[in-house]
Amino acid sequence: MRIVATGHTPVGVIPVKDPNDHRLSMSERVLHEAVEELAANRGWHSFHTYLSRHSKAGFPDLVLWHTGLQRTLFVELKSTSGMVREDQDATLQQLADAGQHVHIWRPADWITGTIAAELRRR
């Protein structure tokens, strides 16, 4: 998926007015690709464990960091209907308690521009 950013929001991204909008059916994989590409275009670096079965259960899907902004984000990506598991929730809470920025992002966050806004935030 190729994402081209202009101004403050990726091209083609418009606010959701209808909660039944078909764009909300974006898979977690497609959302992941879109987020990583937008982040890279904005100077963020990323890490994703591709073989998570060999990693600590519950670790977030994506770690993003921006040296210029001096920010690190721990992101769990979910489809619209995807559920956050107990181990994921516990890990995200531990990271938040340690002062880290944690997010659970879904297709609606992409469509409404919430993700793009967070990647601009200082």
Protein backbone atom coordinates (compact mmCIF):
# COMPACT_ATOMS: atom_id res chain seq x y z
CA MET A 1 0.00 0.00 0.00
CA ARG A 2 1.45 3.37 -0.98
CA ILE A 3 0.52 6.28 1.26
CA VAL A 4 1.28 9.81 0.14
CA ALA A 5 1.04 12.55 2.71
CA THR A 6 0.18 16.14 1.85
CA GLY A 7 -0.38 18.74 4.48
CA HIS A 8 -1.66 17.19 7.68
CA THR A 9 -3.45 14.05 6.52
CA PRO A 10 -2.67 11.30 4.03
CA VAL A 11 -4.31 11.69 0.64
CA GLY A 12 -7.70 10.01 0.57
CA VAL A 13 -8.17 10.04 4.33
CA ILE A 14 -11.39 11.74 5.31
CA PRO A 15 -13.25 11.77 8.61
CA VAL A 16 -15.65 8.91 9.26
CA LYS A 17 -19.24 10.06 9.33
CA ASP A 18 -20.84 6.63 9.15
CA PRO A 19 -19.74 3.98 11.68
CA ASN A 20 -20.71 1.36 9.08
CA ASP A 21 -18.18 2.79 6.60
CA HIS A 22 -16.63 -0.11 4.65
CA ARG A 23 -13.14 1.34 5.17
CA LEU A 24 -13.39 0.25 8.80
CA SER A 25 -12.92 -3.32 7.57
CA MET A 26 -9.20 -2.65 6.95
CA SER A 27 -7.22 -5.67 8.18
CA GLU A 28 -4.60 -5.36 10.90
CA ARG A 29 -1.91 -6.19 8.32
CA VAL A 30 -3.02 -3.41 5.97
CA LEU A 31 -3.24 -0.97 8.87
CA HIS A 32 0.27 -1.98 9.97
CA GLU A 33 1.69 -1.37 6.48
CA ALA A 34 -0.03 2.01 6.25
CA VAL A 35 1.21 3.13 9.67
CA GLU A 36 4.79 2.02 9.02
CA GLU A 37 4.90 3.77 5.67
CA LEU A 38 3.44 7.03 6.96
CA ALA A 39 5.78 6.93 9.96
CA ALA A 40 8.83 6.35 7.73
CA ASN A 41 7.76 9.23 5.48
CA ARG A 42 7.69 11.46 8.57
CA GLY A 43 11.14 10.44 9.83
CA TRP A 44 10.13 7.75 12.32
CA HIS A 45 12.03 4.48 12.71
CA SER A 46 10.17 1.28 13.47
CA PHE A 47 10.53 -2.20 14.87
CA HIS A 48 8.09 -5.07 14.50
CA THR A 49 8.67 -8.63 15.71
CA TYR A 50 7.79 -10.80 12.74
CA LEU A 51 8.04 -14.10 14.63
CA SER A 52 6.23 -13.06 17.78
CA ARG A 53 5.81 -16.65 18.97
CA HIS A 54 9.47 -16.43 20.08
CA SER A 55 8.94 -13.14 21.95
CA LYS A 56 7.39 -12.12 25.25
CA ALA A 57 3.63 -12.58 25.10
CA GLY A 58 1.77 -9.29 25.00
CA PHE A 59 4.55 -7.10 23.60
CA PRO A 60 3.06 -4.40 21.31
CA ASP A 61 3.00 -4.90 17.55
CA LEU A 62 5.07 -1.87 16.72
CA VAL A 63 7.66 0.36 18.35
CA LEU A 64 8.16 3.73 16.66
CA TRP A 65 10.84 6.26 17.58
CA HIS A 66 11.83 9.65 16.23
CA THR A 67 15.23 10.98 17.24
CA GLY A 68 14.48 14.57 16.21
CA LEU A 69 11.25 14.65 18.20
CA GLN A 70 12.79 12.58 21.00
CA ARG A 71 9.67 10.41 21.17
CA THR A 72 9.01 6.69 21.35
CA LEU A 73 5.61 5.09 20.80
CA PHE A 74 4.54 1.55 21.67
CA VAL A 75 1.60 0.65 19.45
CA GLU A 76 -0.82 -2.25 19.46
CA LEU A 77 -2.68 -2.51 16.16
CA LYS A 78 -6.12 -4.07 15.95
CA SER A 79 -8.79 -4.54 13.32
CA THR A 80 -12.12 -2.90 14.05
CA SER A 81 -13.35 -6.02 15.82
CA GLY A 82 -9.99 -7.16 17.23
CA MET A 83 -9.81 -7.63 20.98
CA VAL A 84 -6.88 -6.65 23.19
CA ARG A 85 -5.75 -9.74 25.10
CA GLU A 86 -5.07 -9.61 28.85
CA ASP A 87 -1.31 -9.99 28.36
CA GLN A 88 -1.32 -7.16 25.81
CA ASP A 89 -3.32 -4.90 28.12
CA ALA A 90 -0.98 -5.69 31.03
CA THR A 91 2.14 -4.93 28.97
CA LEU A 92 0.69 -1.66 27.65
CA GLN A 93 -0.21 -0.64 31.20
CA GLN A 94 3.30 -1.47 32.45
CA LEU A 95 4.81 0.62 29.64
CA ALA A 96 2.46 3.52 30.43
CA ASP A 97 3.33 3.23 34.13
CA ALA A 98 7.00 3.50 33.09
CA GLY A 99 6.22 6.83 31.40
CA GLN A 100 6.07 5.54 27.83
CA HIS A 101 3.58 6.64 25.17
CA VAL A 102 1.28 3.71 24.37
CA HIS A 103 -1.54 3.45 21.84
CA ILE A 104 -4.07 0.99 20.55
CA TRP A 105 -4.81 1.96 16.96
CA ARG A 106 -7.65 0.70 14.80
CA PRO A 107 -8.79 1.49 11.24
CA ALA A 108 -11.04 4.30 12.53
CA ASP A 109 -7.93 6.01 13.95
CA TRP A 110 -6.34 5.89 10.49
CA ILE A 111 -9.43 7.13 8.70
CA THR A 112 -10.09 10.03 11.09
CA GLY A 113 -6.46 11.20 10.98
CA THR A 114 -5.77 10.39 14.64
CA ILE A 115 -2.67 8.36 13.72
CA ALA A 116 -1.35 11.03 11.36
CA ALA A 117 -1.85 13.65 14.08
CA GLU A 118 0.03 11.56 16.66
CA LEU A 119 2.95 11.14 14.26
CA ARG A 120 3.13 14.95 13.95
CA ARG A 121 2.88 15.61 17.68
CA ARG A 122 5.94 16.92 19.52
